[in-house]
Amino acid sequence: MKFQVERTQNYYNESEKGIELLSREAQFAIYSACRIYIGILDKIMKNDFNPFKGRAYVPIIRKFLILIDEFIRKRFFPIFQQ
């Protein structure tokens, strides 16, 4: 499981360059989804990569905050890309 998480993290890191090539409208959704999925990976790591310690998910309030953060970042600070 640890290998899979590390591999996925590498994919996310490599894909960020490609997200910037998408239209501005698409970037919002893709960056938001990426941050949510990274949050799931963080939960998996906190559970010591053990899927039997509970479901790894990002709570709805955290997802909402990610969306707000991305909206503000894209709308008002477009020069500050991740």
Protein backbone atom coordinates (compact mmCIF):
# COMPACT_ATOMS: atom_id res chain seq x y z
CA MET A 1 0.00 0.00 0.00
CA LYS A 2 2.83 2.39 0.81
CA PHE A 3 4.29 1.83 -2.66
CA GLN A 4 0.93 2.64 -4.27
CA VAL A 5 0.51 5.84 -2.25
CA GLU A 6 4.02 7.02 -3.14
CA ARG A 7 3.43 6.20 -6.80
CA THR A 8 0.16 8.13 -6.77
CA GLN A 9 1.81 11.13 -5.11
CA ASN A 10 4.38 11.15 -7.90
CA TYR A 11 1.61 11.12 -10.50
CA TYR A 12 -0.10 14.08 -8.81
CA ASN A 13 3.16 16.03 -8.66
CA GLU A 14 3.93 15.36 -12.32
CA SER A 15 0.41 16.21 -13.46
CA GLU A 16 0.40 19.72 -11.98
CA LYS A 17 2.42 21.04 -14.92
CA GLY A 18 -0.19 19.69 -17.32
CA ILE A 19 -3.10 21.21 -15.41
CA GLU A 20 -1.70 24.66 -16.10
CA LEU A 21 -2.06 23.94 -19.83
CA LEU A 22 -5.82 23.41 -19.51
CA SER A 23 -8.34 26.18 -19.96
CA ARG A 24 -8.84 28.38 -16.91
CA GLU A 25 -12.36 27.01 -16.47
CA ALA A 26 -11.10 23.41 -16.37
CA GLN A 27 -8.22 24.20 -14.03
CA PHE A 28 -10.56 25.00 -11.14
CA ALA A 29 -12.22 21.57 -11.20
CA ILE A 30 -9.02 19.62 -11.77
CA TYR A 31 -6.99 21.42 -9.09
CA SER A 32 -9.86 21.03 -6.62
CA ALA A 33 -10.20 17.32 -7.33
CA CYS A 34 -6.44 16.86 -7.08
CA ARG A 35 -6.35 18.52 -3.66
CA ILE A 36 -9.23 16.37 -2.44
CA TYR A 37 -7.53 13.18 -3.65
CA ILE A 38 -4.28 14.25 -2.00
CA GLY A 39 -6.30 14.63 1.20
CA ILE A 40 -7.43 11.01 0.85
CA LEU A 41 -3.81 9.93 0.44
CA ASP A 42 -2.93 11.86 3.59
CA LYS A 43 -5.62 9.95 5.49
CA ILE A 44 -4.27 6.65 4.19
CA MET A 45 -0.80 7.58 5.41
CA LYS A 46 -2.17 8.65 8.82
CA ASN A 47 -3.79 5.20 9.06
CA ASP A 48 -0.32 3.66 8.56
CA PHE A 49 -1.39 2.43 5.12
CA ASN A 50 -3.81 0.03 6.79
CA PRO A 51 -7.20 -0.03 5.03
CA PHE A 52 -8.76 -1.82 8.01
CA LYS A 53 -8.28 1.19 10.32
CA GLY A 54 -11.24 2.95 8.76
CA ARG A 55 -12.38 4.64 5.62
CA ALA A 56 -9.98 7.21 4.19
CA TYR A 57 -11.97 10.22 3.06
CA VAL A 58 -12.03 14.00 3.11
CA PRO A 59 -14.93 15.35 5.19
CA ILE A 60 -17.53 17.43 3.33
CA ILE A 61 -16.59 20.63 5.19
CA ARG A 62 -12.94 20.19 4.16
CA LYS A 63 -14.03 19.65 0.54
CA PHE A 64 -16.10 22.81 0.73
CA LEU A 65 -13.11 24.76 2.09
CA ILE A 66 -10.91 23.40 -0.71
CA LEU A 67 -13.44 24.58 -3.29
CA ILE A 68 -13.64 28.04 -1.73
CA ASP A 69 -9.86 28.28 -1.54
CA GLU A 70 -9.49 27.24 -5.18
CA PHE A 71 -12.20 29.66 -6.29
CA ILE A 72 -10.52 32.57 -4.52
CA ARG A 73 -7.08 31.57 -5.75
CA LYS A 74 -8.20 31.24 -9.38
CA ARG A 75 -10.47 34.28 -9.36
CA PHE A 76 -8.34 36.81 -7.49
CA PHE A 77 -4.77 35.46 -7.59
CA PRO A 78 -4.37 33.72 -10.96
CA ILE A 79 -0.64 34.45 -11.09
CA PHE A 80 -0.05 32.33 -7.97
CA GLN A 81 -0.35 28.84 -9.40
CA GLN A 82 0.44 25.83 -7.27
